[in-house]
């Protein structure tokens, strides 16, 4: 998981309803509906309201990101969960969540962001959840991915998980990463995946893009036309600022919302 900054997430509690409506407009599903689509579940708000979700602040590494726990809690509450942000952090926070009978815990440090189900002895990793959320969002936007070419840009943890999810969708997959060894390794492991040597040409030619890099301006304005759809879990957004207005209704991107929603639903 890329370490986020406060200014990237501080708006989430105040804009979650607007975000959910935009997601519905683009995919036909809000946060809960998209999680259900990805997981094959049928969770309803009334069911989620019976579950207590605890967010435990973690201080190790570079420390707590101001507003992170509040933003995660806002997403969970919007989905319907009863929420608890523990007063204590780290191990003491886990103890507090257990004492207050939380059903699931969400916690993050510099390297991992996970959801834990204490009763079911189950966990869901943010990389797994985020990748599947964005693949399913792309699928819903375009009406299916089977036998359609998707270019995955960036083969970090989320990009690699996205490739696995796209294989499940029977998509045709092309991949690019600035680290050529990552492409070589992946294509050796999965013969059906094609490594891209000229990303500019491929991004212009292929209209379904999953952008999973941690850098901006990887997708320029002249790569995009009216048939382009982009699902972009990478933070910051890789689409250049001048291109956003031309693809805004065919672009999925957020810093936390989709990943958190699928983590929480997926760990039940």
C-alpha atoms as a PDB file:
ATOM      1  CA  UNK A   1       0.000   0.000   0.000  1.00  0.00           C
ATOM      2  CA  UNK A   2       1.299   3.468  -0.922  1.00  0.00           C
ATOM      3  CA  UNK A   3       1.611   5.721   2.121  1.00  0.00           C
ATOM      4  CA  UNK A   4      -1.074   8.383   1.837  1.00  0.00           C
ATOM      5  CA  UNK A   5      -1.009  12.016   2.891  1.00  0.00           C
ATOM      6  CA  UNK A   6      -3.652  13.829   4.914  1.00  0.00           C
ATOM      7  CA  UNK A   7      -4.629  16.138   2.045  1.00  0.00           C
ATOM      8  CA  UNK A   8      -5.399  13.093  -0.130  1.00  0.00           C
ATOM      9  CA  UNK A   9      -7.951  11.650   2.306  1.00  0.00           C
ATOM     10  CA  UNK A  10      -9.260  14.458   4.533  1.00  0.00           C
ATOM     11  CA  UNK A  11     -12.252  15.092   2.239  1.00  0.00           C
ATOM     12  CA  UNK A  12     -13.591  11.532   2.439  1.00  0.00           C
ATOM     13  CA  UNK A  13     -15.983  11.864   5.419  1.00  0.00           C
ATOM     14  CA  UNK A  14     -17.669  14.937   3.944  1.00  0.00           C
ATOM     15  CA  UNK A  15     -17.877  13.679   0.353  1.00  0.00           C
ATOM     16  CA  UNK A  16     -18.639   9.960   0.764  1.00  0.00           C
ATOM     17  CA  UNK A  17     -22.290  10.285  -0.320  1.00  0.00           C
ATOM     18  CA  UNK A  18     -21.328  12.251  -3.436  1.00  0.00           C
ATOM     19  CA  UNK A  19     -18.587   9.721  -4.185  1.00  0.00           C
ATOM     20  CA  UNK A  20     -21.023   6.807  -3.860  1.00  0.00           C
ATOM     21  CA  UNK A  21     -23.474   8.450  -6.269  1.00  0.00           C
ATOM     22  CA  UNK A  22     -20.713   9.054  -8.822  1.00  0.00           C
ATOM     23  CA  UNK A  23     -19.683   5.426  -8.512  1.00  0.00           C
ATOM     24  CA  UNK A  24     -23.295   4.375  -9.161  1.00  0.00           C
ATOM     25  CA  UNK A  25     -23.469   6.637 -12.203  1.00  0.00           C
ATOM     26  CA  UNK A  26     -20.334   5.070 -13.685  1.00  0.00           C
ATOM     27  CA  UNK A  27     -20.744   1.403 -12.745  1.00  0.00           C
ATOM     28  CA  UNK A  28     -24.377   0.934 -11.750  1.00  0.00           C
ATOM     29  CA  UNK A  29     -23.284   0.023  -8.204  1.00  0.00           C
ATOM     30  CA  UNK A  30     -22.424   1.896  -5.031  1.00  0.00           C
ATOM     31  CA  UNK A  31     -19.756   0.733  -2.587  1.00  0.00           C
ATOM     32  CA  UNK A  32     -21.771  -2.140  -1.124  1.00  0.00           C
ATOM     33  CA  UNK A  33     -23.108  -3.224  -4.504  1.00  0.00           C
ATOM     34  CA  UNK A  34     -19.671  -3.245  -6.085  1.00  0.00           C
ATOM     35  CA  UNK A  35     -18.252  -5.252  -3.180  1.00  0.00           C
ATOM     36  CA  UNK A  36     -21.086  -7.754  -3.604  1.00  0.00           C
ATOM     37  CA  UNK A  37     -20.394  -7.993  -7.329  1.00  0.00           C
ATOM     38  CA  UNK A  38     -16.695  -8.622  -6.731  1.00  0.00           C
ATOM     39  CA  UNK A  39     -17.231 -11.160  -3.957  1.00  0.00           C
ATOM     40  CA  UNK A  40     -20.360 -12.900  -5.230  1.00  0.00           C
ATOM     41  CA  UNK A  41     -22.194 -11.953  -2.031  1.00  0.00           C
ATOM     42  CA  UNK A  42     -25.548 -10.314  -1.337  1.00  0.00           C
ATOM     43  CA  UNK A  43     -24.827  -8.235   1.748  1.00  0.00           C
ATOM     44  CA  UNK A  44     -27.386  -5.590   2.607  1.00  0.00           C
ATOM     45  CA  UNK A  45     -27.035  -2.577   4.877  1.00  0.00           C
ATOM     46  CA  UNK A  46     -29.275  -4.200   7.499  1.00  0.00           C
ATOM     47  CA  UNK A  47     -26.885  -7.160   7.727  1.00  0.00           C
ATOM     48  CA  UNK A  48     -23.789  -4.963   7.884  1.00  0.00           C
ATOM     49  CA  UNK A  49     -25.417  -2.898  10.657  1.00  0.00           C
ATOM     50  CA  UNK A  50     -25.195  -5.988  12.866  1.00  0.00           C
ATOM     51  CA  UNK A  51     -21.393  -6.011  12.521  1.00  0.00           C
ATOM     52  CA  UNK A  52     -19.074  -3.855  14.613  1.00  0.00           C
ATOM     53  CA  UNK A  53     -15.980  -2.705  12.739  1.00  0.00           C
ATOM     54  CA  UNK A  54     -13.035  -1.331  14.734  1.00  0.00           C
ATOM     55  CA  UNK A  55     -10.346   0.906  13.251  1.00  0.00           C
ATOM     56  CA  UNK A  56      -7.110   0.619  15.238  1.00  0.00           C
ATOM     57  CA  UNK A  57      -4.516   3.419  14.817  1.00  0.00           C
ATOM     58  CA  UNK A  58      -0.941   2.170  14.401  1.00  0.00           C
ATOM     59  CA  UNK A  59       2.099   4.263  15.352  1.00  0.00           C
ATOM     60  CA  UNK A  60       5.021   2.163  14.087  1.00  0.00           C
ATOM     61  CA  UNK A  61       7.146   3.273  11.131  1.00  0.00           C
ATOM     62  CA  UNK A  62       6.439   6.834  10.023  1.00  0.00           C
ATOM     63  CA  UNK A  63       3.495   7.000  12.409  1.00  0.00           C
ATOM     64  CA  UNK A  64      -0.191   7.777  12.212  1.00  0.00           C
ATOM     65  CA  UNK A  65      -1.498   9.623   9.145  1.00  0.00           C
ATOM     66  CA  UNK A  66      -3.720  12.420  10.392  1.00  0.00           C
ATOM     67  CA  UNK A  67      -7.298  11.718   9.313  1.00  0.00           C
ATOM     68  CA  UNK A  68      -6.668   8.131   8.164  1.00  0.00           C
ATOM     69  CA  UNK A  69      -8.673   6.381  10.884  1.00  0.00           C
ATOM     70  CA  UNK A  70     -11.501   8.906  10.562  1.00  0.00           C
ATOM     71  CA  UNK A  71     -11.665   8.384   6.794  1.00  0.00           C
ATOM     72  CA  UNK A  72     -11.648   4.589   7.035  1.00  0.00           C
ATOM     73  CA  UNK A  73     -14.360   4.769   9.708  1.00  0.00           C
ATOM     74  CA  UNK A  74     -16.464   7.073   7.504  1.00  0.00           C
ATOM     75  CA  UNK A  75     -16.362   4.551   4.649  1.00  0.00           C
ATOM     76  CA  UNK A  76     -17.346   1.686   6.938  1.00  0.00           C
ATOM     77  CA  UNK A  77     -20.147   3.678   8.546  1.00  0.00           C
ATOM     78  CA  UNK A  78     -21.507   4.658   5.134  1.00  0.00           C
ATOM     79  CA  UNK A  79     -21.624   0.974   4.180  1.00  0.00           C
ATOM     80  CA  UNK A  80     -23.750   0.336   7.262  1.00  0.00           C
ATOM     81  CA  UNK A  81     -21.275  -1.016   9.820  1.00  0.00           C
ATOM     82  CA  UNK A  82     -21.399  -0.045  13.465  1.00  0.00           C
ATOM     83  CA  UNK A  83     -18.012   1.622  13.804  1.00  0.00           C
ATOM     84  CA  UNK A  84     -15.461   2.074  16.540  1.00  0.00           C
ATOM     85  CA  UNK A  85     -12.173   3.965  16.358  1.00  0.00           C
ATOM     86  CA  UNK A  86     -10.175   2.750  19.337  1.00  0.00           C
ATOM     87  CA  UNK A  87      -8.893   5.302  21.817  1.00  0.00           C
ATOM     88  CA  UNK A  88      -5.660   3.350  22.145  1.00  0.00           C
ATOM     89  CA  UNK A  89      -3.242   2.469  19.344  1.00  0.00           C
ATOM     90  CA  UNK A  90      -1.172  -0.577  18.427  1.00  0.00           C
ATOM     91  CA  UNK A  91      -1.474  -3.686  20.649  1.00  0.00           C
ATOM     92  CA  UNK A  92      -3.465  -1.829  23.285  1.00  0.00           C
ATOM     93  CA  UNK A  93      -5.889  -0.750  20.557  1.00  0.00           C
ATOM     94  CA  UNK A  94      -6.344  -4.347  19.433  1.00  0.00           C
ATOM     95  CA  UNK A  95      -7.066  -5.299  23.042  1.00  0.00           C
ATOM     96  CA  UNK A  96      -9.633  -2.475  23.273  1.00  0.00           C
ATOM     97  CA  UNK A  97     -11.350  -3.598  20.080  1.00  0.00           C
ATOM     98  CA  UNK A  98     -11.561  -7.148  21.399  1.00  0.00           C
ATOM     99  CA  UNK A  99     -12.922  -5.992  24.753  1.00  0.00           C
ATOM    100  CA  UNK A 100     -15.565  -3.918  22.964  1.00  0.00           C
ATOM    101  CA  UNK A 101     -16.603  -6.992  20.968  1.00  0.00           C
ATOM    102  CA  UNK A 102     -15.595  -5.839  17.507  1.00  0.00           C
ATOM    103  CA  UNK A 103     -16.383  -8.345  14.759  1.00  0.00           C
ATOM    104  CA  UNK A 104     -13.687  -7.057  12.426  1.00  0.00           C
ATOM    105  CA  UNK A 105     -10.554  -4.915  12.815  1.00  0.00           C
ATOM    106  CA  UNK A 106      -8.866  -2.697  10.234  1.00  0.00           C
ATOM    107  CA  UNK A 107      -5.313  -1.478  10.815  1.00  0.00           C
ATOM    108  CA  UNK A 108      -2.396  -0.235   8.745  1.00  0.00           C
ATOM    109  CA  UNK A 109       1.319   0.425   9.136  1.00  0.00           C
ATOM    110  CA  UNK A 110       3.844   1.535   6.508  1.00  0.00           C
ATOM    111  CA  UNK A 111       3.875  -1.876   4.818  1.00  0.00           C
ATOM    112  CA  UNK A 112       0.513  -3.548   5.358  1.00  0.00           C
ATOM    113  CA  UNK A 113      -3.156  -2.598   5.550  1.00  0.00           C
ATOM    114  CA  UNK A 114      -5.383  -5.484   6.609  1.00  0.00           C
ATOM    115  CA  UNK A 115      -8.865  -6.343   7.828  1.00  0.00           C
ATOM    116  CA  UNK A 116      -9.144  -9.094  10.439  1.00  0.00           C
ATOM    117  CA  UNK A 117     -12.168 -11.169  11.369  1.00  0.00           C
ATOM    118  CA  UNK A 118     -11.572 -12.270  14.948  1.00  0.00           C
ATOM    119  CA  UNK A 119     -14.318 -14.895  15.042  1.00  0.00           C
ATOM    120  CA  UNK A 120     -13.625 -16.478  11.659  1.00  0.00           C
ATOM    121  CA  UNK A 121      -9.802 -16.352  11.936  1.00  0.00           C
ATOM    122  CA  UNK A 122      -9.725 -14.623   8.554  1.00  0.00           C
ATOM    123  CA  UNK A 123      -7.924 -11.638   7.050  1.00  0.00           C
ATOM    124  CA  UNK A 124      -8.062  -9.613   3.834  1.00  0.00           C
ATOM    125  CA  UNK A 125      -5.121  -7.617   2.512  1.00  0.00           C
ATOM    126  CA  UNK A 126      -5.660  -4.162   1.009  1.00  0.00           C
ATOM    127  CA  UNK A 127      -3.672  -4.975  -2.133  1.00  0.00           C
ATOM    128  CA  UNK A 128      -5.895  -7.986  -2.880  1.00  0.00           C
ATOM    129  CA  UNK A 129      -9.070  -6.046  -2.145  1.00  0.00           C
ATOM    130  CA  UNK A 130      -8.106  -2.886  -4.040  1.00  0.00           C
ATOM    131  CA  UNK A 131      -7.031  -4.783  -7.150  1.00  0.00           C
ATOM    132  CA  UNK A 132     -10.262  -6.749  -7.297  1.00  0.00           C
ATOM    133  CA  UNK A 133     -12.380  -3.705  -6.598  1.00  0.00           C
ATOM    134  CA  UNK A 134     -10.846  -1.819  -9.512  1.00  0.00           C
ATOM    135  CA  UNK A 135     -10.992  -4.765 -11.906  1.00  0.00           C
ATOM    136  CA  UNK A 136     -14.667  -5.248 -11.092  1.00  0.00           C
ATOM    137  CA  UNK A 137     -15.348  -1.518 -11.407  1.00  0.00           C
ATOM    138  CA  UNK A 138     -13.788  -1.598 -14.886  1.00  0.00           C
ATOM    139  CA  UNK A 139     -15.850  -4.663 -15.755  1.00  0.00           C
ATOM    140  CA  UNK A 140     -19.068  -2.945 -14.724  1.00  0.00           C
ATOM    141  CA  UNK A 141     -18.195   0.267 -16.573  1.00  0.00           C
ATOM    142  CA  UNK A 142     -17.628  -1.496 -19.887  1.00  0.00           C
ATOM    143  CA  UNK A 143     -20.143  -4.331 -19.596  1.00  0.00           C
ATOM    144  CA  UNK A 144     -17.702  -7.247 -19.309  1.00  0.00           C
ATOM    145  CA  UNK A 145     -14.004  -8.072 -19.735  1.00  0.00           C
ATOM    146  CA  UNK A 146     -14.040 -11.552 -21.252  1.00  0.00           C
ATOM    147  CA  UNK A 147     -11.846 -11.672 -24.383  1.00  0.00           C
ATOM    148  CA  UNK A 148     -11.215  -7.909 -24.172  1.00  0.00           C
ATOM    149  CA  UNK A 149      -7.711  -6.465 -23.959  1.00  0.00           C
ATOM    150  CA  UNK A 150      -6.750  -4.657 -20.758  1.00  0.00           C
ATOM    151  CA  UNK A 151      -3.403  -2.909 -20.331  1.00  0.00           C
ATOM    152  CA  UNK A 152      -2.109  -3.078 -16.749  1.00  0.00           C
ATOM    153  CA  UNK A 153       0.434  -0.353 -16.105  1.00  0.00           C
ATOM    154  CA  UNK A 154       2.518  -0.882 -12.971  1.00  0.00           C
ATOM    155  CA  UNK A 155       3.392  -4.297 -11.542  1.00  0.00           C
ATOM    156  CA  UNK A 156       3.652  -3.524  -7.867  1.00  0.00           C
ATOM    157  CA  UNK A 157       1.526  -5.488  -5.371  1.00  0.00           C
ATOM    158  CA  UNK A 158      -1.783  -4.073  -6.647  1.00  0.00           C
ATOM    159  CA  UNK A 159      -0.846  -4.414 -10.311  1.00  0.00           C
ATOM    160  CA  UNK A 160       0.113  -8.068  -9.884  1.00  0.00           C
ATOM    161  CA  UNK A 161      -3.101  -8.788  -7.980  1.00  0.00           C
ATOM    162  CA  UNK A 162      -5.035  -7.035 -10.742  1.00  0.00           C
ATOM    163  CA  UNK A 163      -3.483  -9.373 -13.298  1.00  0.00           C
ATOM    164  CA  UNK A 164      -4.708 -12.356 -11.264  1.00  0.00           C
ATOM    165  CA  UNK A 165      -8.195 -10.869 -11.074  1.00  0.00           C
ATOM    166  CA  UNK A 166      -8.224 -10.172 -14.820  1.00  0.00           C
ATOM    167  CA  UNK A 167      -7.236 -13.772 -15.521  1.00  0.00           C
ATOM    168  CA  UNK A 168     -10.323 -14.822 -13.555  1.00  0.00           C
ATOM    169  CA  UNK A 169     -12.369 -12.510 -15.796  1.00  0.00           C
ATOM    170  CA  UNK A 170     -10.846 -14.191 -18.912  1.00  0.00           C
ATOM    171  CA  UNK A 171      -9.501 -10.880 -20.185  1.00  0.00           C
ATOM    172  CA  UNK A 172      -6.586 -10.547 -22.596  1.00  0.00           C
ATOM    173  CA  UNK A 173      -3.831  -8.932 -20.552  1.00  0.00           C
ATOM    174  CA  UNK A 174      -0.934  -6.730 -21.561  1.00  0.00           C
ATOM    175  CA  UNK A 175       1.430  -5.413 -18.885  1.00  0.00           C
ATOM    176  CA  UNK A 176       4.020  -2.693 -18.571  1.00  0.00           C
ATOM    177  CA  UNK A 177       6.400  -1.689 -15.806  1.00  0.00           C
ATOM    178  CA  UNK A 178       9.519   0.466 -15.907  1.00  0.00           C
ATOM    179  CA  UNK A 179      11.269  -2.460 -14.211  1.00  0.00           C
ATOM    180  CA  UNK A 180      11.666  -4.895 -17.089  1.00  0.00           C
ATOM    181  CA  UNK A 181      12.482  -7.759 -14.710  1.00  0.00           C
ATOM    182  CA  UNK A 182       8.992  -7.549 -13.229  1.00  0.00           C
ATOM    183  CA  UNK A 183       7.499  -8.040 -16.687  1.00  0.00           C
ATOM    184  CA  UNK A 184       9.844 -10.911 -17.498  1.00  0.00           C
ATOM    185  CA  UNK A 185       9.055 -12.676 -14.236  1.00  0.00           C
ATOM    186  CA  UNK A 186       5.295 -12.293 -14.648  1.00  0.00           C
ATOM    187  CA  UNK A 187       5.214 -13.443 -18.270  1.00  0.00           C
ATOM    188  CA  UNK A 188       7.304 -16.502 -17.329  1.00  0.00           C
ATOM    189  CA  UNK A 189       4.780 -17.332 -14.600  1.00  0.00           C
ATOM    190  CA  UNK A 190       1.700 -16.649 -16.745  1.00  0.00           C
ATOM    191  CA  UNK A 191       2.144 -17.465 -20.434  1.00  0.00           C
ATOM    192  CA  UNK A 192      -1.080 -15.737 -21.475  1.00  0.00           C
ATOM    193  CA  UNK A 193       0.174 -12.335 -20.277  1.00  0.00           C
ATOM    194  CA  UNK A 194       1.964 -10.190 -22.866  1.00  0.00           C
ATOM    195  CA  UNK A 195       4.710  -7.732 -21.912  1.00  0.00           C
ATOM    196  CA  UNK A 196       4.537  -4.320 -23.559  1.00  0.00           C
ATOM    197  CA  UNK A 197       7.686  -2.735 -24.981  1.00  0.00           C
ATOM    198  CA  UNK A 198       6.134   0.516 -26.216  1.00  0.00           C
ATOM    199  CA  UNK A 199       3.651   1.677 -23.543  1.00  0.00           C
ATOM    200  CA  UNK A 200       2.744   4.896 -25.354  1.00  0.00           C
ATOM    201  CA  UNK A 201       1.636   2.983 -28.441  1.00  0.00           C
ATOM    202  CA  UNK A 202      -0.266   0.381 -26.422  1.00  0.00           C
ATOM    203  CA  UNK A 203      -2.058   2.967 -24.281  1.00  0.00           C
ATOM    204  CA  UNK A 204      -3.144   4.831 -27.405  1.00  0.00           C
ATOM    205  CA  UNK A 205      -4.304   1.690 -29.186  1.00  0.00           C
ATOM    206  CA  UNK A 206      -5.985  -0.199 -26.336  1.00  0.00           C
ATOM    207  CA  UNK A 207      -8.960   1.427 -24.666  1.00  0.00           C
ATOM    208  CA  UNK A 208      -9.200  -0.425 -21.346  1.00  0.00           C
ATOM    209  CA  UNK A 209      -6.480   0.594 -18.902  1.00  0.00           C
ATOM    210  CA  UNK A 210      -5.753  -0.365 -15.312  1.00  0.00           C
ATOM    211  CA  UNK A 211      -3.278   2.232 -14.035  1.00  0.00           C
ATOM    212  CA  UNK A 212      -1.505   0.959 -10.902  1.00  0.00           C
ATOM    213  CA  UNK A 213       1.669   3.024 -10.730  1.00  0.00           C
ATOM    214  CA  UNK A 214       2.616   5.304  -7.790  1.00  0.00           C
ATOM    215  CA  UNK A 215       3.489   8.242 -10.068  1.00  0.00           C
ATOM    216  CA  UNK A 216       1.553  10.926 -11.917  1.00  0.00           C
ATOM    217  CA  UNK A 217       1.386  11.823 -15.623  1.00  0.00           C
ATOM    218  CA  UNK A 218       1.796   8.286 -16.952  1.00  0.00           C
ATOM    219  CA  UNK A 219      -1.256   8.723 -19.200  1.00  0.00           C
ATOM    220  CA  UNK A 220      -1.121  11.783 -21.403  1.00  0.00           C
ATOM    221  CA  UNK A 221      -4.041  13.595 -22.982  1.00  0.00           C
ATOM    222  CA  UNK A 222      -3.300  12.323 -26.499  1.00  0.00           C
ATOM    223  CA  UNK A 223      -3.534   8.690 -25.286  1.00  0.00           C
ATOM    224  CA  UNK A 224      -7.250   9.147 -24.572  1.00  0.00           C
ATOM    225  CA  UNK A 225     -10.330   9.241 -26.775  1.00  0.00           C
ATOM    226  CA  UNK A 226     -14.065   8.711 -26.289  1.00  0.00           C
ATOM    227  CA  UNK A 227     -13.631   4.923 -26.150  1.00  0.00           C
ATOM    228  CA  UNK A 228     -11.014   4.950 -23.383  1.00  0.00           C
ATOM    229  CA  UNK A 229     -11.908   3.656 -19.903  1.00  0.00           C
ATOM    230  CA  UNK A 230      -9.451   3.872 -17.024  1.00  0.00           C
ATOM    231  CA  UNK A 231      -9.578   2.166 -13.647  1.00  0.00           C
ATOM    232  CA  UNK A 232      -6.792   3.720 -11.594  1.00  0.00           C
ATOM    233  CA  UNK A 233      -5.939   2.433  -8.108  1.00  0.00           C
ATOM    234  CA  UNK A 234      -2.512   4.065  -8.268  1.00  0.00           C
ATOM    235  CA  UNK A 235      -1.899   7.029  -5.963  1.00  0.00           C
ATOM    236  CA  UNK A 236      -1.306   9.713  -7.095  1.00  0.00           C
ATOM    237  CA  UNK A 237      -3.569   9.507 -10.144  1.00  0.00           C
ATOM    238  CA  UNK A 238      -1.521   8.682 -13.233  1.00  0.00           C
ATOM    239  CA  UNK A 239      -3.790  10.559 -15.662  1.00  0.00           C
ATOM    240  CA  UNK A 240      -2.365  14.001 -16.418  1.00  0.00           C
ATOM    241  CA  UNK A 241      -4.471  16.893 -15.112  1.00  0.00           C
ATOM    242  CA  UNK A 242      -5.263  18.281 -18.565  1.00  0.00           C
ATOM    243  CA  UNK A 243      -6.844  14.968 -19.578  1.00  0.00           C
ATOM    244  CA  UNK A 244      -9.108  14.412 -16.569  1.00  0.00           C
ATOM    245  CA  UNK A 245     -12.011  16.518 -17.822  1.00  0.00           C
ATOM    246  CA  UNK A 246     -12.178  14.544 -21.070  1.00  0.00           C
ATOM    247  CA  UNK A 247     -12.434  11.164 -19.336  1.00  0.00           C
ATOM    248  CA  UNK A 248     -13.961  11.978 -15.964  1.00  0.00           C
ATOM    249  CA  UNK A 249     -17.143   9.966 -16.571  1.00  0.00           C
ATOM    250  CA  UNK A 250     -15.050   6.936 -17.668  1.00  0.00           C
ATOM    251  CA  UNK A 251     -12.452   7.119 -14.896  1.00  0.00           C
ATOM    252  CA  UNK A 252     -12.460   5.281 -11.556  1.00  0.00           C
ATOM    253  CA  UNK A 253     -10.020   6.593  -8.962  1.00  0.00           C
ATOM    254  CA  UNK A 254      -9.954   7.174  -5.224  1.00  0.00           C
ATOM    255  CA  UNK A 255      -7.390   6.917  -2.398  1.00  0.00           C
ATOM    256  CA  UNK A 256      -9.264   4.555  -0.053  1.00  0.00           C
ATOM    257  CA  UNK A 257     -12.951   4.025  -0.678  1.00  0.00           C
ATOM    258  CA  UNK A 258     -13.071   1.002  -2.996  1.00  0.00           C
ATOM    259  CA  UNK A 259     -10.272  -0.895  -1.300  1.00  0.00           C
ATOM    260  CA  UNK A 260     -11.658  -0.380   2.202  1.00  0.00           C
ATOM    261  CA  UNK A 261     -15.178  -1.392   1.193  1.00  0.00           C
ATOM    262  CA  UNK A 262     -14.003  -4.658  -0.356  1.00  0.00           C
ATOM    263  CA  UNK A 263     -11.687  -5.373   2.585  1.00  0.00           C
ATOM    264  CA  UNK A 264     -14.533  -5.022   5.063  1.00  0.00           C
ATOM    265  CA  UNK A 265     -17.054  -7.026   3.063  1.00  0.00           C
ATOM    266  CA  UNK A 266     -14.477  -9.613   2.072  1.00  0.00           C
ATOM    267  CA  UNK A 267     -13.432 -10.438   5.611  1.00  0.00           C
ATOM    268  CA  UNK A 268     -16.966 -11.254   6.823  1.00  0.00           C
END
